[in-house]
Amino acid sequence: MYNLELTGPFPYKDLKRIKQHFELEFSLLSEEACLNADFNDYCMTVAGTISYVLNGSEENIPPRQMLLIKLDFFERFPSYKFFENKVSDYPALQKELNSFEKARELLIRYFIR
């Protein structure tokens, strides 16, 4: 899964389309909000956690990272909830989000065992 599903291209075009389609909503967000950076951070948190597990060093995962892995994208970045129900309109983003969400859920099950 890690090699096949989590190494796809970053969905720049869909993220750009979301920003265009929801221009008003984005204009109301703080200046620090950056969808590309936030989505990348979400993906890297999942991928990084998987790397710890695959290397057998899960005891070295930083506590904050363990807290973040418990949150899906929209829980972690609630300011983007305005497009949560429209993700299916953006297939590349939906594919990436679904892949990372599936991996995140598997990690949670792994840690709960």
Protein backbone atom coordinates (compact mmCIF):
# COMPACT_ATOMS: atom_id res chain seq x y z
CA MET A 1 0.00 0.00 0.00
CA TYR A 2 2.77 2.43 0.97
CA ASN A 3 4.54 2.10 -2.38
CA LEU A 4 1.43 1.75 -4.55
CA GLU A 5 -1.10 4.13 -3.06
CA LEU A 6 0.79 6.75 -1.09
CA THR A 7 3.31 7.82 -3.68
CA GLY A 8 0.96 9.27 -6.27
CA PRO A 9 1.25 12.76 -7.66
CA PHE A 10 0.20 15.63 -5.43
CA PRO A 11 -3.29 16.85 -6.48
CA TYR A 12 -2.23 20.43 -7.31
CA LYS A 13 -4.85 20.90 -10.04
CA ASP A 14 -7.74 19.84 -7.83
CA LEU A 15 -6.53 21.97 -4.94
CA LYS A 16 -6.29 24.94 -7.30
CA ARG A 17 -9.83 24.25 -8.54
CA ILE A 18 -11.11 24.09 -4.97
CA LYS A 19 -9.55 27.48 -4.25
CA GLN A 20 -11.24 28.89 -7.34
CA HIS A 21 -14.64 27.31 -6.66
CA PHE A 22 -14.64 28.39 -3.02
CA GLU A 23 -12.96 31.76 -3.45
CA LEU A 24 -15.28 33.50 -0.99
CA GLU A 25 -14.76 30.89 1.72
CA PHE A 26 -10.99 31.04 1.30
CA SER A 27 -11.05 34.82 1.51
CA LEU A 28 -12.53 34.48 5.00
CA LEU A 29 -9.73 32.24 6.27
CA SER A 30 -6.72 33.52 8.17
CA GLU A 31 -3.64 34.52 6.21
CA GLU A 32 -1.82 31.47 7.61
CA ALA A 33 -4.24 29.06 5.93
CA CYS A 34 -2.65 27.39 2.92
CA LEU A 35 -4.53 24.41 1.51
CA ASN A 36 -1.54 22.98 -0.37
CA ALA A 37 0.70 23.18 2.69
CA ASP A 38 -1.95 21.84 5.05
CA PHE A 39 -2.82 18.88 2.81
CA ASN A 40 0.88 18.14 2.34
CA ASP A 41 1.41 18.28 6.10
CA TYR A 42 -1.47 15.86 6.66
CA CYS A 43 -0.06 13.43 4.07
CA MET A 44 3.48 13.69 5.42
CA THR A 45 2.31 13.02 8.96
CA VAL A 46 0.72 9.76 7.80
CA ALA A 47 3.65 8.79 5.56
CA GLY A 48 6.17 9.68 8.25
CA THR A 49 4.36 7.60 10.84
CA ILE A 50 4.34 4.66 8.44
CA SER A 51 8.09 5.08 8.00
CA TYR A 52 8.62 4.75 11.74
CA VAL A 53 6.53 1.58 11.79
CA LEU A 54 8.24 0.03 8.75
CA ASN A 55 11.63 0.75 10.31
CA GLY A 56 10.59 -0.86 13.58
CA SER A 57 11.10 2.35 15.52
CA GLU A 58 7.53 3.29 16.43
CA GLU A 59 8.68 4.00 19.99
CA ASN A 60 10.51 7.03 18.54
CA ILE A 61 7.40 8.65 17.06
CA PRO A 62 7.06 12.12 18.61
CA PRO A 63 4.05 12.45 20.97
CA ARG A 64 2.56 15.31 18.92
CA GLN A 65 2.71 13.15 15.79
CA MET A 66 0.83 10.39 17.62
CA LEU A 67 -1.87 12.91 18.52
CA LEU A 68 -2.11 14.18 14.94
CA ILE A 69 -2.42 10.70 13.45
CA LYS A 70 -5.71 10.31 15.32
CA LEU A 71 -7.28 13.15 13.32
CA ASP A 72 -8.56 12.97 9.77
CA PHE A 73 -7.84 15.90 7.45
CA PHE A 74 -11.01 17.82 8.23
CA GLU A 75 -10.69 17.25 11.98
CA ARG A 76 -7.13 18.49 11.89
CA PHE A 77 -7.95 21.45 9.64
CA PRO A 78 -11.57 22.32 10.44
CA SER A 79 -11.38 25.63 8.57
CA TYR A 80 -11.71 23.60 5.33
CA LYS A 81 -14.94 21.84 6.34
CA PHE A 82 -16.82 23.99 3.84
CA PHE A 83 -15.70 21.67 1.01
CA GLU A 84 -15.71 18.35 2.90
CA ASN A 85 -18.95 17.21 1.24
CA LYS A 86 -17.66 18.25 -2.20
CA VAL A 87 -14.41 16.25 -2.25
CA SER A 88 -15.95 13.80 -4.73
CA ASP A 89 -16.05 16.66 -7.26
CA TYR A 90 -12.23 16.60 -7.28
CA PRO A 91 -11.16 13.03 -8.20
CA ALA A 92 -7.39 13.41 -7.81
CA LEU A 93 -7.79 14.93 -4.36
CA GLN A 94 -10.38 12.33 -3.40
CA LYS A 95 -8.05 9.51 -4.44
CA GLU A 96 -5.15 10.91 -2.42
CA LEU A 97 -7.31 11.73 0.57
CA ASN A 98 -8.90 8.26 0.54
CA SER A 99 -5.50 6.56 0.29
CA PHE A 100 -4.00 8.51 3.16
CA GLU A 101 -7.14 8.13 5.23
CA LYS A 102 -7.09 4.36 4.71
CA ALA A 103 -3.42 4.28 5.76
CA ARG A 104 -4.14 6.47 8.79
CA GLU A 105 -6.94 4.16 9.91
CA LEU A 106 -4.65 1.14 9.52
CA LEU A 107 -2.05 2.89 11.67
CA ILE A 108 -4.62 3.56 14.35
CA ARG A 109 -5.63 -0.11 14.36
CA TYR A 110 -1.95 -1.09 14.51
CA PHE A 111 -1.32 1.09 17.56
CA ILE A 112 -4.49 -0.04 19.35
CA ARG A 113 -3.65 -3.75 19.03
